[in-house]
Amino acid sequence: MYSITKLSGGQQILLGQKESVIKAIELAVGYANEYVKGSEHVKKLHEVFVREVGEKETMCPDGTVAEVSVWFPTVARSSQSFWIVK
């Protein structure tokens, strides 16, 4: 089982669970797109990317296998990460 989580106010929030990593990434990308649509910066340049997370990664929760991130490069502190945790 793979869980999709994000940080909000310093707390890790569970957003959902899926049986396969592909389905979990698909759900996380959906959440990333919702984040863009709800952002005050929706009309600005943004990037959504997926990356594999290694075992020694220290910026992600333990057990994270992938990260889906949204980033507005022209806006300070405007990123949101969704982690896929096994």
N, C-alpha and C. Protein backbone atom coordinates (compact mmCIF):
# COMPACT_ATOMS: atom_id res chain seq x y z
N MET A 1 0.85 -1.17 0.00
CA MET A 1 0.00 0.00 0.00
C MET A 1 0.89 1.23 0.00
N TYR A 2 0.52 2.22 -0.79
CA TYR A 2 1.26 3.47 -0.89
C TYR A 2 0.37 4.62 -0.41
N SER A 3 0.92 5.47 0.44
CA SER A 3 0.18 6.61 0.98
C SER A 3 0.66 7.89 0.32
N ILE A 4 -0.27 8.82 0.12
CA ILE A 4 0.07 10.14 -0.41
C ILE A 4 -0.06 11.12 0.75
N THR A 5 1.04 11.84 1.04
CA THR A 5 1.04 12.77 2.16
C THR A 5 1.60 14.13 1.72
N LYS A 6 1.33 15.14 2.53
CA LYS A 6 1.92 16.47 2.33
C LYS A 6 2.10 17.10 3.70
N LEU A 7 2.89 18.16 3.76
CA LEU A 7 3.05 18.92 4.99
C LEU A 7 2.10 20.11 4.97
N SER A 8 1.47 20.35 6.10
CA SER A 8 0.59 21.51 6.24
C SER A 8 0.72 22.00 7.68
N GLY A 9 1.22 23.21 7.84
CA GLY A 9 1.40 23.76 9.17
C GLY A 9 2.33 22.96 10.05
N GLY A 10 3.33 22.33 9.43
CA GLY A 10 4.29 21.52 10.17
C GLY A 10 3.82 20.11 10.47
N GLN A 11 2.60 19.77 10.07
CA GLN A 11 2.05 18.43 10.29
C GLN A 11 2.00 17.66 8.98
N GLN A 12 2.28 16.36 9.04
CA GLN A 12 2.16 15.52 7.86
C GLN A 12 0.71 15.07 7.75
N ILE A 13 0.08 15.35 6.60
CA ILE A 13 -1.33 15.07 6.36
C ILE A 13 -1.46 13.92 5.37
N LEU A 14 -2.25 12.91 5.71
CA LEU A 14 -2.53 11.79 4.81
C LEU A 14 -3.65 12.21 3.87
N LEU A 15 -3.40 12.10 2.56
CA LEU A 15 -4.38 12.50 1.55
C LEU A 15 -5.08 11.32 0.91
N GLY A 16 -4.48 10.14 0.98
CA GLY A 16 -5.09 8.97 0.37
C GLY A 16 -4.12 7.81 0.31
N GLN A 17 -4.65 6.65 -0.08
CA GLN A 17 -3.82 5.45 -0.22
C GLN A 17 -4.23 4.71 -1.48
N LYS A 18 -3.26 4.11 -2.14
CA LYS A 18 -3.49 3.31 -3.33
C LYS A 18 -2.64 2.05 -3.27
N GLU A 19 -3.09 1.02 -3.97
CA GLU A 19 -2.39 -0.27 -3.97
C GLU A 19 -1.08 -0.25 -4.76
N SER A 20 -1.04 0.51 -5.86
CA SER A 20 0.17 0.52 -6.69
C SER A 20 0.81 1.90 -6.68
N VAL A 21 2.11 1.92 -6.93
CA VAL A 21 2.85 3.18 -6.94
C VAL A 21 2.37 4.07 -8.08
N ILE A 22 2.01 3.49 -9.22
CA ILE A 22 1.54 4.29 -10.36
C ILE A 22 0.23 4.99 -10.02
N LYS A 23 -0.70 4.27 -9.40
CA LYS A 23 -1.97 4.87 -9.00
C LYS A 23 -1.76 5.95 -7.94
N ALA A 24 -0.81 5.74 -7.04
CA ALA A 24 -0.50 6.74 -6.02
C ALA A 24 0.08 8.00 -6.64
N ILE A 25 0.97 7.84 -7.60
CA ILE A 25 1.54 9.00 -8.30
C ILE A 25 0.45 9.73 -9.08
N GLU A 26 -0.42 8.98 -9.72
CA GLU A 26 -1.54 9.58 -10.46
C GLU A 26 -2.40 10.44 -9.52
N LEU A 27 -2.71 9.94 -8.34
CA LEU A 27 -3.50 10.69 -7.38
C LEU A 27 -2.74 11.94 -6.91
N ALA A 28 -1.44 11.80 -6.66
CA ALA A 28 -0.63 12.94 -6.22
C ALA A 28 -0.56 14.02 -7.30
N VAL A 29 -0.46 13.63 -8.56
CA VAL A 29 -0.45 14.60 -9.66
C VAL A 29 -1.80 15.33 -9.71
N GLY A 30 -2.87 14.61 -9.45
CA GLY A 30 -4.19 15.25 -9.37
C GLY A 30 -4.24 16.30 -8.27
N TYR A 31 -3.68 15.96 -7.09
CA TYR A 31 -3.62 16.94 -6.00
C TYR A 31 -2.75 18.13 -6.38
N ALA A 32 -1.66 17.89 -7.08
CA ALA A 32 -0.78 18.98 -7.52
C ALA A 32 -1.53 19.91 -8.48
N ASN A 33 -2.29 19.35 -9.39
CA ASN A 33 -3.07 20.17 -10.32
C ASN A 33 -4.14 20.98 -9.58
N GLU A 34 -4.77 20.39 -8.56
CA GLU A 34 -5.74 21.13 -7.74
C GLU A 34 -5.05 22.29 -7.01
N TYR A 35 -3.83 22.05 -6.54
CA TYR A 35 -3.06 23.11 -5.86
C TYR A 35 -2.83 24.29 -6.81
N VAL A 36 -2.48 23.99 -8.04
CA VAL A 36 -2.25 25.05 -9.03
C VAL A 36 -3.55 25.82 -9.29
N LYS A 37 -4.64 25.09 -9.51
CA LYS A 37 -5.92 25.74 -9.81
C LYS A 37 -6.40 26.63 -8.66
N GLY A 38 -6.12 26.23 -7.42
CA GLY A 38 -6.55 27.00 -6.26
C GLY A 38 -5.59 28.09 -5.83
N SER A 39 -4.45 28.18 -6.49
CA SER A 39 -3.44 29.15 -6.11
C SER A 39 -3.76 30.54 -6.66
N GLU A 40 -3.38 31.56 -5.90
CA GLU A 40 -3.52 32.93 -6.39
C GLU A 40 -2.57 33.20 -7.55
N HIS A 41 -1.61 32.30 -7.76
CA HIS A 41 -0.62 32.46 -8.82
C HIS A 41 -0.94 31.60 -10.04
N VAL A 42 -2.17 31.14 -10.16
CA VAL A 42 -2.56 30.18 -11.19
C VAL A 42 -2.17 30.62 -12.61
N LYS A 43 -2.13 31.90 -12.88
CA LYS A 43 -1.82 32.38 -14.23
C LYS A 43 -0.32 32.55 -14.46
N LYS A 44 0.47 32.34 -13.43
CA LYS A 44 1.92 32.49 -13.57
C LYS A 44 2.54 31.16 -14.02
N LEU A 45 3.76 31.26 -14.51
CA LEU A 45 4.52 30.08 -14.91
C LEU A 45 4.63 29.12 -13.73
N HIS A 46 4.37 27.85 -13.97
CA HIS A 46 4.53 26.85 -12.91
C HIS A 46 5.04 25.55 -13.52
N GLU A 47 5.61 24.73 -12.67
CA GLU A 47 6.13 23.44 -13.08
C GLU A 47 5.62 22.37 -12.13
N VAL A 48 5.24 21.23 -12.67
CA VAL A 48 4.89 20.06 -11.88
C VAL A 48 5.87 18.97 -12.30
N PHE A 49 6.53 18.35 -11.32
CA PHE A 49 7.47 17.30 -11.67
C PHE A 49 7.38 16.15 -10.68
N VAL A 50 7.81 14.99 -11.15
CA VAL A 50 7.85 13.77 -10.35
C VAL A 50 9.29 13.31 -10.30
N ARG A 51 9.73 12.91 -9.10
CA ARG A 51 11.10 12.38 -9.00
C ARG A 51 11.12 11.19 -8.04
N GLU A 52 12.03 10.30 -8.32
CA GLU A 52 12.27 9.17 -7.44
C GLU A 52 13.08 9.66 -6.25
N VAL A 53 12.77 9.17 -5.06
CA VAL A 53 13.46 9.57 -3.84
C VAL A 53 14.34 8.42 -3.38
N GLY A 54 15.61 8.73 -3.13
CA GLY A 54 16.55 7.72 -2.66
C GLY A 54 16.45 7.46 -1.17
N GLU A 55 17.05 6.39 -0.72
CA GLU A 55 17.01 6.00 0.69
C GLU A 55 17.64 7.04 1.61
N LYS A 56 18.64 7.75 1.13
CA LYS A 56 19.38 8.69 1.98
C LYS A 56 18.81 10.11 1.94
N GLU A 57 17.69 10.30 1.30
CA GLU A 57 17.06 11.62 1.23
C GLU A 57 16.61 12.04 2.62
N THR A 58 16.99 13.23 3.04
CA THR A 58 16.66 13.69 4.40
C THR A 58 15.51 14.70 4.42
N MET A 59 15.10 15.19 3.29
CA MET A 59 14.06 16.22 3.25
C MET A 59 12.64 15.64 3.12
N CYS A 60 12.52 14.32 3.07
CA CYS A 60 11.23 13.66 2.89
C CYS A 60 10.93 12.76 4.08
N PRO A 61 9.66 12.42 4.28
CA PRO A 61 9.33 11.47 5.35
C PRO A 61 9.99 10.11 5.12
N ASP A 62 10.24 9.37 6.19
CA ASP A 62 10.80 8.03 6.08
C ASP A 62 9.90 7.15 5.22
N GLY A 63 10.51 6.33 4.38
CA GLY A 63 9.76 5.41 3.53
C GLY A 63 9.28 6.00 2.22
N THR A 64 9.65 7.25 1.95
CA THR A 64 9.21 7.91 0.71
C THR A 64 9.91 7.29 -0.49
N VAL A 65 9.12 6.97 -1.53
CA VAL A 65 9.68 6.40 -2.75
C VAL A 65 9.63 7.37 -3.92
N ALA A 66 8.72 8.36 -3.87
CA ALA A 66 8.60 9.34 -4.95
C ALA A 66 8.03 10.63 -4.40
N GLU A 67 8.30 11.71 -5.12
CA GLU A 67 7.79 13.03 -4.76
C GLU A 67 7.17 13.67 -6.00
N VAL A 68 5.99 14.24 -5.83
CA VAL A 68 5.36 15.06 -6.86
C VAL A 68 5.38 16.48 -6.32
N SER A 69 5.97 17.40 -7.05
CA SER A 69 6.10 18.79 -6.59
C SER A 69 5.51 19.77 -7.58
N VAL A 70 4.99 20.85 -7.03
CA VAL A 70 4.52 22.00 -7.82
C VAL A 70 5.39 23.17 -7.40
N TRP A 71 5.80 23.96 -8.38
CA TRP A 71 6.68 25.08 -8.10
C TRP A 71 6.34 26.23 -9.04
N PHE A 72 6.20 27.42 -8.47
CA PHE A 72 6.05 28.65 -9.24
C PHE A 72 7.40 29.35 -9.19
N PRO A 73 8.24 29.23 -10.24
CA PRO A 73 9.61 29.76 -10.18
C PRO A 73 9.71 31.26 -9.97
N THR A 74 8.70 32.02 -10.32
CA THR A 74 8.79 33.48 -10.18
C THR A 74 8.20 33.98 -8.86
N VAL A 75 7.78 33.06 -7.97
CA VAL A 75 7.15 33.44 -6.70
C VAL A 75 7.92 32.79 -5.56
N ALA A 76 8.33 33.60 -4.59
CA ALA A 76 9.07 33.07 -3.44
C ALA A 76 8.17 32.19 -2.57
N ARG A 77 8.73 31.11 -2.04
CA ARG A 77 8.04 30.19 -1.13
C ARG A 77 6.69 29.74 -1.69
N SER A 78 6.69 29.27 -2.90
CA SER A 78 5.43 28.91 -3.56
C SER A 78 5.41 27.46 -4.01
N SER A 79 6.13 26.59 -3.33
CA SER A 79 6.14 25.19 -3.75
C SER A 79 5.30 24.35 -2.81
N GLN A 80 4.85 23.22 -3.32
CA GLN A 80 4.10 22.24 -2.54
C GLN A 80 4.56 20.86 -2.98
N SER A 81 4.87 20.00 -2.03
CA SER A 81 5.30 18.64 -2.34
C SER A 81 4.28 17.64 -1.84
N PHE A 82 4.07 16.60 -2.62
CA PHE A 82 3.22 15.47 -2.27
C PHE A 82 4.12 14.24 -2.31
N TRP A 83 4.21 13.51 -1.20
CA TRP A 83 5.12 12.38 -1.10
C TRP A 83 4.36 11.07 -1.20
N ILE A 84 4.97 10.12 -1.89
CA ILE A 84 4.44 8.77 -2.00
C ILE A 84 5.27 7.92 -1.03
N VAL A 85 4.60 7.42 0.00
CA VAL A 85 5.28 6.68 1.07
C VAL A 85 4.80 5.23 1.04
N LYS A 86 5.76 4.31 1.07
CA LYS A 86 5.40 2.88 1.08
C LYS A 86 5.19 2.41 2.50
